[in-house]
Amino acid sequence: MREHGGTGSGGRRGQAERDAITVEIGYALCSAAFAAAVMFGAVAGPALLFALPGAVETVLVRGGGVLAGVLFAVRTVSVLVRFRRAAQPSQPGRTSPDS
């Protein structure tokens, strides 16, 4: 079975392109999870390690959770958008790297 060119030609994606997308999605999710965990630990860590007043502890844990969730979403989207822009040719129609 013959694979058609990239998405620019309107055909189906080739196996290499599907693999690249899969790897990029995995990288986006893993790096976003790591960044979110670090953010949560930095904000909520003191509340989990030290005996703080109840209100302060609640604010730190909930704030850390909200910030971690926002950071996860922002990091995931930014990595995938950057990948999508990098996959597009800078000069459509030119296939030679010397052009």
PDB file of N, CA and C in Angstrom:
ATOM      1  N   MET A   1       0.848  -1.174   0.000  1.00  0.00           N
ATOM      2  CA  MET A   1       0.000   0.000   0.000  1.00  0.00           C
ATOM      3  C   MET A   1       0.887   1.229   0.000  1.00  0.00           C
ATOM      4  N   ARG A   2       0.611   2.153  -0.857  1.00  0.00           N
ATOM      5  CA  ARG A   2       1.435   3.341  -1.000  1.00  0.00           C
ATOM      6  C   ARG A   2       0.935   4.450  -0.097  1.00  0.00           C
ATOM      7  N   GLU A   3       1.852   5.039   0.660  1.00  0.00           N
ATOM      8  CA  GLU A   3       1.511   6.176   1.516  1.00  0.00           C
ATOM      9  C   GLU A   3       1.594   7.449   0.695  1.00  0.00           C
ATOM     10  N   HIS A   4       0.682   8.336   0.905  1.00  0.00           N
ATOM     11  CA  HIS A   4       0.694   9.621   0.214  1.00  0.00           C
ATOM     12  C   HIS A   4       1.558  10.593   0.989  1.00  0.00           C
ATOM     13  N   GLY A   5       1.816  11.735   0.385  1.00  0.00           N
ATOM     14  CA  GLY A   5       2.661  12.758   0.991  1.00  0.00           C
ATOM     15  C   GLY A   5       2.063  13.323   2.259  1.00  0.00           C
ATOM     16  N   GLY A   6       2.660  14.394   2.747  1.00  0.00           N
ATOM     17  CA  GLY A   6       2.242  15.023   3.998  1.00  0.00           C
ATOM     18  C   GLY A   6       0.876  15.644   3.900  1.00  0.00           C
ATOM     19  N   THR A   7       0.481  16.325   4.940  1.00  0.00           N
ATOM     20  CA  THR A   7      -0.851  16.916   4.999  1.00  0.00           C
ATOM     21  C   THR A   7      -0.996  18.081   4.037  1.00  0.00           C
ATOM     22  N   GLY A   8       0.103  18.658   3.585  1.00  0.00           N
ATOM     23  CA  GLY A   8       0.029  19.783   2.668  1.00  0.00           C
ATOM     24  C   GLY A   8      -0.546  19.392   1.316  1.00  0.00           C
ATOM     25  N   SER A   9      -0.392  18.129   0.918  1.00  0.00           N
ATOM     26  CA  SER A   9      -0.899  17.685  -0.371  1.00  0.00           C
ATOM     27  C   SER A   9      -2.334  17.181  -0.284  1.00  0.00           C
ATOM     28  N   GLY A  10      -2.904  17.182   0.883  1.00  0.00           N
ATOM     29  CA  GLY A  10      -4.282  16.739   1.045  1.00  0.00           C
ATOM     30  C   GLY A  10      -4.405  15.246   1.218  1.00  0.00           C
ATOM     31  N   GLY A  11      -3.283  14.516   1.182  1.00  0.00           N
ATOM     32  CA  GLY A  11      -3.319  13.067   1.333  1.00  0.00           C
ATOM     33  C   GLY A  11      -3.246  12.661   2.790  1.00  0.00           C
ATOM     34  N   ARG A  12      -3.159  11.330   2.962  1.00  0.00           N
ATOM     35  CA  ARG A  12      -3.040  10.814   4.325  1.00  0.00           C
ATOM     36  C   ARG A  12      -1.636  11.038   4.854  1.00  0.00           C
ATOM     37  N   ARG A  13      -1.501  11.021   6.159  1.00  0.00           N
ATOM     38  CA  ARG A  13      -0.189  11.182   6.784  1.00  0.00           C
ATOM     39  C   ARG A  13       0.612   9.890   6.648  1.00  0.00           C
ATOM     40  N   GLY A  14       1.905  10.048   6.434  1.00  0.00           N
ATOM     41  CA  GLY A  14       2.790   8.897   6.372  1.00  0.00           C
ATOM     42  C   GLY A  14       3.094   8.401   7.779  1.00  0.00           C
ATOM     43  N   GLN A  15       3.670   7.210   7.851  1.00  0.00           N
ATOM     44  CA  GLN A  15       3.976   6.610   9.162  1.00  0.00           C
ATOM     45  C   GLN A  15       4.969   7.460   9.937  1.00  0.00           C
ATOM     46  N   ALA A  16       5.962   8.016   9.262  1.00  0.00           N
ATOM     47  CA  ALA A  16       6.964   8.838   9.950  1.00  0.00           C
ATOM     48  C   ALA A  16       6.322  10.091  10.556  1.00  0.00           C
ATOM     49  N   GLU A  17       5.410  10.686   9.846  1.00  0.00           N
ATOM     50  CA  GLU A  17       4.738  11.883  10.357  1.00  0.00           C
ATOM     51  C   GLU A  17       3.834  11.535  11.545  1.00  0.00           C
ATOM     52  N   ARG A  18       3.149  10.408  11.477  1.00  0.00           N
ATOM     53  CA  ARG A  18       2.309   9.975  12.600  1.00  0.00           C
ATOM     54  C   ARG A  18       3.174   9.677  13.822  1.00  0.00           C
ATOM     55  N   ASP A  19       4.324   9.044  13.596  1.00  0.00           N
ATOM     56  CA  ASP A  19       5.231   8.753  14.703  1.00  0.00           C
ATOM     57  C   ASP A  19       5.758  10.041  15.333  1.00  0.00           C
ATOM     58  N   ALA A  20       6.101  11.021  14.502  1.00  0.00           N
ATOM     59  CA  ALA A  20       6.605  12.300  15.017  1.00  0.00           C
ATOM     60  C   ALA A  20       5.536  13.010  15.850  1.00  0.00           C
ATOM     61  N   ILE A  21       4.308  12.958  15.399  1.00  0.00           N
ATOM     62  CA  ILE A  21       3.211  13.589  16.140  1.00  0.00           C
ATOM     63  C   ILE A  21       3.005  12.876  17.477  1.00  0.00           C
ATOM     64  N   THR A  22       3.059  11.543  17.458  1.00  0.00           N
ATOM     65  CA  THR A  22       2.889  10.772  18.692  1.00  0.00           C
ATOM     66  C   THR A  22       3.981  11.092  19.699  1.00  0.00           C
ATOM     67  N   VAL A  23       5.219  11.156  19.233  1.00  0.00           N
ATOM     68  CA  VAL A  23       6.338  11.481  20.117  1.00  0.00           C
ATOM     69  C   VAL A  23       6.182  12.894  20.670  1.00  0.00           C
ATOM     70  N   GLU A  24       5.773  13.822  19.833  1.00  0.00           N
ATOM     71  CA  GLU A  24       5.626  15.209  20.289  1.00  0.00           C
ATOM     72  C   GLU A  24       4.502  15.345  21.315  1.00  0.00           C
ATOM     73  N   ILE A  25       3.414  14.624  21.132  1.00  0.00           N
ATOM     74  CA  ILE A  25       2.330  14.648  22.112  1.00  0.00           C
ATOM     75  C   ILE A  25       2.810  14.057  23.431  1.00  0.00           C
ATOM     76  N   GLY A  26       3.537  12.947  23.366  1.00  0.00           N
ATOM     77  CA  GLY A  26       4.091  12.347  24.585  1.00  0.00           C
ATOM     78  C   GLY A  26       5.029  13.287  25.303  1.00  0.00           C
ATOM     79  N   TYR A  27       5.900  13.961  24.539  1.00  0.00           N
ATOM     80  CA  TYR A  27       6.823  14.933  25.139  1.00  0.00           C
ATOM     81  C   TYR A  27       6.049  16.085  25.776  1.00  0.00           C
ATOM     82  N   ALA A  28       5.037  16.577  25.081  1.00  0.00           N
ATOM     83  CA  ALA A  28       4.254  17.692  25.615  1.00  0.00           C
ATOM     84  C   ALA A  28       3.597  17.312  26.934  1.00  0.00           C
ATOM     85  N   LEU A  29       3.013  16.125  26.993  1.00  0.00           N
ATOM     86  CA  LEU A  29       2.320  15.695  28.212  1.00  0.00           C
ATOM     87  C   LEU A  29       3.299  15.427  29.358  1.00  0.00           C
ATOM     88  N   CYS A  30       4.415  14.781  29.054  1.00  0.00           N
ATOM     89  CA  CYS A  30       5.388  14.477  30.119  1.00  0.00           C
ATOM     90  C   CYS A  30       6.056  15.734  30.654  1.00  0.00           C
ATOM     91  N   SER A  31       6.455  16.633  29.764  1.00  0.00           N
ATOM     92  CA  SER A  31       7.098  17.858  30.241  1.00  0.00           C
ATOM     93  C   SER A  31       6.108  18.750  30.984  1.00  0.00           C
ATOM     94  N   ALA A  32       4.855  18.747  30.545  1.00  0.00           N
ATOM     95  CA  ALA A  32       3.827  19.535  31.243  1.00  0.00           C
ATOM     96  C   ALA A  32       3.539  18.946  32.616  1.00  0.00           C
ATOM     97  N   ALA A  33       3.494  17.620  32.721  1.00  0.00           N
ATOM     98  CA  ALA A  33       3.255  16.984  34.025  1.00  0.00           C
ATOM     99  C   ALA A  33       4.406  17.270  34.983  1.00  0.00           C
ATOM    100  N   PHE A  34       5.630  17.216  34.477  1.00  0.00           N
ATOM    101  CA  PHE A  34       6.797  17.511  35.324  1.00  0.00           C
ATOM    102  C   PHE A  34       6.762  18.966  35.804  1.00  0.00           C
ATOM    103  N   ALA A  35       6.510  19.893  34.886  1.00  0.00           N
ATOM    104  CA  ALA A  35       6.455  21.315  35.258  1.00  0.00           C
ATOM    105  C   ALA A  35       5.328  21.576  36.259  1.00  0.00           C
ATOM    106  N   ALA A  36       4.179  20.929  36.061  1.00  0.00           N
ATOM    107  CA  ALA A  36       3.053  21.109  36.983  1.00  0.00           C
ATOM    108  C   ALA A  36       3.373  20.538  38.360  1.00  0.00           C
ATOM    109  N   ALA A  37       4.054  19.400  38.411  1.00  0.00           N
ATOM    110  CA  ALA A  37       4.428  18.810  39.696  1.00  0.00           C
ATOM    111  C   ALA A  37       5.413  19.697  40.446  1.00  0.00           C
ATOM    112  N   VAL A  38       6.364  20.267  39.722  1.00  0.00           N
ATOM    113  CA  VAL A  38       7.327  21.182  40.354  1.00  0.00           C
ATOM    114  C   VAL A  38       6.605  22.418  40.879  1.00  0.00           C
ATOM    115  N   MET A  39       5.683  22.954  40.087  1.00  0.00           N
ATOM    116  CA  MET A  39       4.927  24.139  40.523  1.00  0.00           C
ATOM    117  C   MET A  39       4.090  23.821  41.761  1.00  0.00           C
ATOM    118  N   PHE A  40       3.411  22.686  41.746  1.00  0.00           N
ATOM    119  CA  PHE A  40       2.600  22.311  42.896  1.00  0.00           C
ATOM    120  C   PHE A  40       3.486  22.147  44.129  1.00  0.00           C
ATOM    121  N   GLY A  41       4.610  21.482  43.970  1.00  0.00           N
ATOM    122  CA  GLY A  41       5.524  21.295  45.098  1.00  0.00           C
ATOM    123  C   GLY A  41       6.063  22.607  45.643  1.00  0.00           C
ATOM    124  N   ALA A  42       6.350  23.541  44.750  1.00  0.00           N
ATOM    125  CA  ALA A  42       6.887  24.833  45.191  1.00  0.00           C
ATOM    126  C   ALA A  42       5.846  25.647  45.957  1.00  0.00           C
ATOM    127  N   VAL A  43       4.602  25.599  45.511  1.00  0.00           N
ATOM    128  CA  VAL A  43       3.561  26.409  46.153  1.00  0.00           C
ATOM    129  C   VAL A  43       2.964  25.691  47.364  1.00  0.00           C
ATOM    130  N   ALA A  44       2.617  24.433  47.211  1.00  0.00           N
ATOM    131  CA  ALA A  44       1.934  23.711  48.282  1.00  0.00           C
ATOM    132  C   ALA A  44       2.899  22.993  49.220  1.00  0.00           C
ATOM    133  N   GLY A  45       4.154  22.884  48.840  1.00  0.00           N
ATOM    134  CA  GLY A  45       5.137  22.185  49.661  1.00  0.00           C
ATOM    135  C   GLY A  45       5.223  22.665  51.098  1.00  0.00           C
ATOM    136  N   PRO A  46       5.327  23.966  51.314  1.00  0.00           N
ATOM    137  CA  PRO A  46       5.401  24.446  52.700  1.00  0.00           C
ATOM    138  C   PRO A  46       4.182  24.049  53.547  1.00  0.00           C
ATOM    139  N   ALA A  47       3.010  24.019  52.916  1.00  0.00           N
ATOM    140  CA  ALA A  47       1.803  23.643  53.650  1.00  0.00           C
ATOM    141  C   ALA A  47       1.828  22.156  54.014  1.00  0.00           C
ATOM    142  N   LEU A  48       2.488  21.360  53.186  1.00  0.00           N
ATOM    143  CA  LEU A  48       2.543  19.927  53.438  1.00  0.00           C
ATOM    144  C   LEU A  48       3.678  19.560  54.395  1.00  0.00           C
ATOM    145  N   LEU A  49       4.695  20.401  54.474  1.00  0.00           N
ATOM    146  CA  LEU A  49       5.848  20.097  55.320  1.00  0.00           C
ATOM    147  C   LEU A  49       5.765  20.699  56.726  1.00  0.00           C
ATOM    148  N   PHE A  50       5.155  21.866  56.825  1.00  0.00           N
ATOM    149  CA  PHE A  50       5.130  22.580  58.096  1.00  0.00           C
ATOM    150  C   PHE A  50       3.709  22.669  58.645  1.00  0.00           C
ATOM    151  N   ALA A  51       3.621  22.855  59.941  1.00  0.00           N
ATOM    152  CA  ALA A  51       2.316  23.038  60.593  1.00  0.00           C
ATOM    153  C   ALA A  51       1.921  24.507  60.455  1.00  0.00           C
ATOM    154  N   LEU A  52       1.050  24.782  59.517  1.00  0.00           N
ATOM    155  CA  LEU A  52       0.582  26.141  59.266  1.00  0.00           C
ATOM    156  C   LEU A  52      -0.872  26.257  59.681  1.00  0.00           C
ATOM    157  N   PRO A  53      -1.354  27.490  59.907  1.00  0.00           N
ATOM    158  CA  PRO A  53      -2.779  27.664  60.209  1.00  0.00           C
ATOM    159  C   PRO A  53      -3.638  27.087  59.085  1.00  0.00           C
ATOM    160  N   GLY A  54      -4.813  26.607  59.441  1.00  0.00           N
ATOM    161  CA  GLY A  54      -5.696  25.925  58.489  1.00  0.00           C
ATOM    162  C   GLY A  54      -5.995  26.712  57.237  1.00  0.00           C
ATOM    163  N   ALA A  55      -6.270  28.008  57.378  1.00  0.00           N
ATOM    164  CA  ALA A  55      -6.621  28.826  56.212  1.00  0.00           C
ATOM    165  C   ALA A  55      -5.433  28.972  55.271  1.00  0.00           C
ATOM    166  N   VAL A  56      -4.254  29.174  55.816  1.00  0.00           N
ATOM    167  CA  VAL A  56      -3.042  29.331  55.001  1.00  0.00           C
ATOM    168  C   VAL A  56      -2.746  28.021  54.267  1.00  0.00           C
ATOM    169  N   GLU A  57      -2.877  26.917  54.969  1.00  0.00           N
ATOM    170  CA  GLU A  57      -2.632  25.618  54.361  1.00  0.00           C
ATOM    171  C   GLU A  57      -3.598  25.358  53.205  1.00  0.00           C
ATOM    172  N   THR A  58      -4.869  25.667  53.422  1.00  0.00           N
ATOM    173  CA  THR A  58      -5.878  25.475  52.387  1.00  0.00           C
ATOM    174  C   THR A  58      -5.590  26.336  51.163  1.00  0.00           C
ATOM    175  N   VAL A  59      -5.247  27.598  51.395  1.00  0.00           N
ATOM    176  CA  VAL A  59      -4.957  28.505  50.283  1.00  0.00           C
ATOM    177  C   VAL A  59      -3.743  28.020  49.493  1.00  0.00           C
ATOM    178  N   LEU A  60      -2.694  27.589  50.184  1.00  0.00           N
ATOM    179  CA  LEU A  60      -1.493  27.131  49.489  1.00  0.00           C
ATOM    180  C   LEU A  60      -1.755  25.860  48.679  1.00  0.00           C
ATOM    181  N   VAL A  61      -2.463  24.907  49.246  1.00  0.00           N
ATOM    182  CA  VAL A  61      -2.725  23.652  48.531  1.00  0.00           C
ATOM    183  C   VAL A  61      -3.650  23.896  47.344  1.00  0.00           C
ATOM    184  N   ARG A  62      -4.721  24.631  47.534  1.00  0.00           N
ATOM    185  CA  ARG A  62      -5.647  24.907  46.421  1.00  0.00           C
ATOM    186  C   ARG A  62      -4.994  25.793  45.373  1.00  0.00           C
ATOM    187  N   GLY A  63      -4.256  26.803  45.817  1.00  0.00           N
ATOM    188  CA  GLY A  63      -3.551  27.675  44.871  1.00  0.00           C
ATOM    189  C   GLY A  63      -2.518  26.903  44.061  1.00  0.00           C
ATOM    190  N   GLY A  64      -1.795  26.009  44.729  1.00  0.00           N
ATOM    191  CA  GLY A  64      -0.827  25.173  44.025  1.00  0.00           C
ATOM    192  C   GLY A  64      -1.495  24.269  43.000  1.00  0.00           C
ATOM    193  N   GLY A  65      -2.642  23.731  43.354  1.00  0.00           N
ATOM    194  CA  GLY A  65      -3.380  22.881  42.419  1.00  0.00           C
ATOM    195  C   GLY A  65      -3.868  23.653  41.206  1.00  0.00           C
ATOM    196  N   VAL A  66      -4.393  24.845  41.442  1.00  0.00           N
ATOM    197  CA  VAL A  66      -4.877  25.672  40.327  1.00  0.00           C
ATOM    198  C   VAL A  66      -3.714  26.085  39.430  1.00  0.00           C
ATOM    199  N   LEU A  67      -2.631  26.575  40.040  1.00  0.00           N
ATOM    200  CA  LEU A  67      -1.477  26.982  39.241  1.00  0.00           C
ATOM    201  C   LEU A  67      -0.872  25.807  38.474  1.00  0.00           C
ATOM    202  N   ALA A  68      -0.817  24.651  39.091  1.00  0.00           N
ATOM    203  CA  ALA A  68      -0.283  23.467  38.415  1.00  0.00           C
ATOM    204  C   ALA A  68      -1.160  23.082  37.226  1.00  0.00           C
ATOM    205  N   GLY A  69      -2.462  23.142  37.389  1.00  0.00           N
ATOM    206  CA  GLY A  69      -3.369  22.828  36.284  1.00  0.00           C
ATOM    207  C   GLY A  69      -3.240  23.804  35.127  1.00  0.00           C
ATOM    208  N   VAL A  70      -3.142  25.082  35.457  1.00  0.00           N
ATOM    209  CA  VAL A  70      -2.979  26.102  34.417  1.00  0.00           C
ATOM    210  C   VAL A  70      -1.638  25.918  33.705  1.00  0.00           C
ATOM    211  N   LEU A  71      -0.582  25.690  34.461  1.00  0.00           N
ATOM    212  CA  LEU A  71       0.734  25.483  33.864  1.00  0.00           C
ATOM    213  C   LEU A  71       0.741  24.250  32.972  1.00  0.00           C
ATOM    214  N   PHE A  72       0.082  23.180  33.392  1.00  0.00           N
ATOM    215  CA  PHE A  72      -0.008  21.965  32.578  1.00  0.00           C
ATOM    216  C   PHE A  72      -0.642  22.269  31.231  1.00  0.00           C
ATOM    217  N   ALA A  73      -1.757  22.976  31.251  1.00  0.00           N
ATOM    218  CA  ALA A  73      -2.464  23.295  30.006  1.00  0.00           C
ATOM    219  C   ALA A  73      -1.636  24.210  29.114  1.00  0.00           C
ATOM    220  N   VAL A  74      -1.047  25.241  29.698  1.00  0.00           N
ATOM    221  CA  VAL A  74      -0.260  26.199  28.915  1.00  0.00           C
ATOM    222  C   VAL A  74       0.960  25.518  28.301  1.00  0.00           C
ATOM    223  N   ARG A  75       1.649  24.698  29.071  1.00  0.00           N
ATOM    224  CA  ARG A  75       2.842  24.017  28.569  1.00  0.00           C
ATOM    225  C   ARG A  75       2.478  23.048  27.440  1.00  0.00           C
ATOM    226  N   THR A  76       1.415  22.286  27.614  1.00  0.00           N
ATOM    227  CA  THR A  76       1.003  21.333  26.587  1.00  0.00           C
ATOM    228  C   THR A  76       0.665  22.051  25.284  1.00  0.00           C
ATOM    229  N   VAL A  77      -0.134  23.082  25.372  1.00  0.00           N
ATOM    230  CA  VAL A  77      -0.539  23.826  24.172  1.00  0.00           C
ATOM    231  C   VAL A  77       0.663  24.486  23.508  1.00  0.00           C
ATOM    232  N   SER A  78       1.553  25.086  24.289  1.00  0.00           N
ATOM    233  CA  SER A  78       2.693  25.783  23.690  1.00  0.00           C
ATOM    234  C   SER A  78       3.623  24.822  22.960  1.00  0.00           C
ATOM    235  N   VAL A  79       3.852  23.635  23.519  1.00  0.00           N
ATOM    236  CA  VAL A  79       4.714  22.657  22.847  1.00  0.00           C
ATOM    237  C   VAL A  79       4.067  22.189  21.550  1.00  0.00           C
ATOM    238  N   LEU A  80       2.778  21.911  21.569  1.00  0.00           N
ATOM    239  CA  LEU A  80       2.111  21.418  20.366  1.00  0.00           C
ATOM    240  C   LEU A  80       1.987  22.494  19.295  1.00  0.00           C
ATOM    241  N   VAL A  81       1.761  23.731  19.677  1.00  0.00           N
ATOM    242  CA  VAL A  81       1.693  24.822  18.700  1.00  0.00           C
ATOM    243  C   VAL A  81       3.069  25.048  18.081  1.00  0.00           C
ATOM    244  N   ARG A  82       4.115  25.014  18.891  1.00  0.00           N
ATOM    245  CA  ARG A  82       5.474  25.187  18.373  1.00  0.00           C
ATOM    246  C   ARG A  82       5.806  24.058  17.392  1.00  0.00           C
ATOM    247  N   PHE A  83       5.406  22.834  17.693  1.00  0.00           N
ATOM    248  CA  PHE A  83       5.647  21.700  16.789  1.00  0.00           C
ATOM    249  C   PHE A  83       4.905  21.900  15.473  1.00  0.00           C
ATOM    250  N   ARG A  84       3.682  22.349  15.551  1.00  0.00           N
ATOM    251  CA  ARG A  84       2.874  22.540  14.341  1.00  0.00           C
ATOM    252  C   ARG A  84       3.484  23.603  13.443  1.00  0.00           C
ATOM    253  N   ARG A  85       3.976  24.688  14.040  1.00  0.00           N
ATOM    254  CA  ARG A  85       4.614  25.752  13.246  1.00  0.00           C
ATOM    255  C   ARG A  85       5.921  25.269  12.628  1.00  0.00           C
ATOM    256  N   ALA A  86       6.681  24.465  13.354  1.00  0.00           N
ATOM    257  CA  ALA A  86       7.963  23.976  12.856  1.00  0.00           C
ATOM    258  C   ALA A  86       7.768  22.968  11.724  1.00  0.00           C
ATOM    259  N   ALA A  87       6.641  22.292  11.684  1.00  0.00           N
ATOM    260  CA  ALA A  87       6.389  21.283  10.662  1.00  0.00           C
ATOM    261  C   ALA A  87       6.023  21.898   9.322  1.00  0.00           C
ATOM    262  N   GLN A  88       5.609  23.150   9.321  1.00  0.00           N
ATOM    263  CA  GLN A  88       5.218  23.804   8.075  1.00  0.00           C
ATOM    264  C   GLN A  88       6.460  24.372   7.389  1.00  0.00           C
ATOM    265  N   PRO A  89       6.548  24.219   6.073  1.00  0.00           N
ATOM    266  CA  PRO A  89       7.715  24.757   5.372  1.00  0.00           C
ATOM    267  C   PRO A  89       7.710  26.279   5.398  1.00  0.00           C
ATOM    268  N   SER A  90       8.904  26.860   5.449  1.00  0.00           N
ATOM    269  CA  SER A  90       8.992  28.310   5.501  1.00  0.00           C
ATOM    270  C   SER A  90       8.649  28.932   4.157  1.00  0.00           C
ATOM    271  N   GLN A  91       8.904  28.206   3.073  1.00  0.00           N
ATOM    272  CA  GLN A  91       8.585  28.696   1.737  1.00  0.00           C
ATOM    273  C   GLN A  91       7.821  27.608   0.994  1.00  0.00           C
ATOM    274  N   PRO A  92       6.497  27.674   1.016  1.00  0.00           N
ATOM    275  CA  PRO A  92       5.698  26.629   0.373  1.00  0.00           C
ATOM    276  C   PRO A  92       6.063  26.472  -1.103  1.00  0.00           C
ATOM    277  N   GLY A  93       6.099  25.235  -1.552  1.00  0.00           N
ATOM    278  CA  GLY A  93       6.402  24.965  -2.944  1.00  0.00           C
ATOM    279  C   GLY A  93       7.854  24.658  -3.214  1.00  0.00           C
ATOM    280  N   ARG A  94       8.727  25.004  -2.291  1.00  0.00           N
ATOM    281  CA  ARG A  94      10.151  24.735  -2.464  1.00  0.00           C
ATOM    282  C   ARG A  94      10.511  23.497  -1.668  1.00  0.00           C
ATOM    283  N   THR A  95      11.081  22.533  -2.358  1.00  0.00           N
ATOM    284  CA  THR A  95      11.395  21.273  -1.679  1.00  0.00           C
ATOM    285  C   THR A  95      12.872  21.103  -1.434  1.00  0.00           C
ATOM    286  N   SER A  96      13.723  21.773  -2.163  1.00  0.00           N
ATOM    287  CA  SER A  96      15.163  21.624  -2.006  1.00  0.00           C
ATOM    288  C   SER A  96      15.647  22.498  -0.845  1.00  0.00           C
ATOM    289  N   PRO A  97      16.496  21.961   0.056  1.00  0.00           N
ATOM    290  CA  PRO A  97      16.982  22.795   1.153  1.00  0.00           C
ATOM    291  C   PRO A  97      17.875  23.928   0.683  1.00  0.00           C
ATOM    292  N   ASP A  98      18.394  23.844  -0.564  1.00  0.00           N
ATOM    293  CA  ASP A  98      19.250  24.892  -1.110  1.00  0.00           C
ATOM    294  C   ASP A  98      18.470  26.001  -1.776  1.00  0.00           C
ATOM    295  N   SER A  99      17.157  25.860  -1.905  1.00  0.00           N
ATOM    296  CA  SER A  99      16.347  26.860  -2.615  1.00  0.00           C
ATOM    297  C   SER A  99      16.208  28.112  -1.801  1.00  0.00           C
TER     298      SER A  99
END
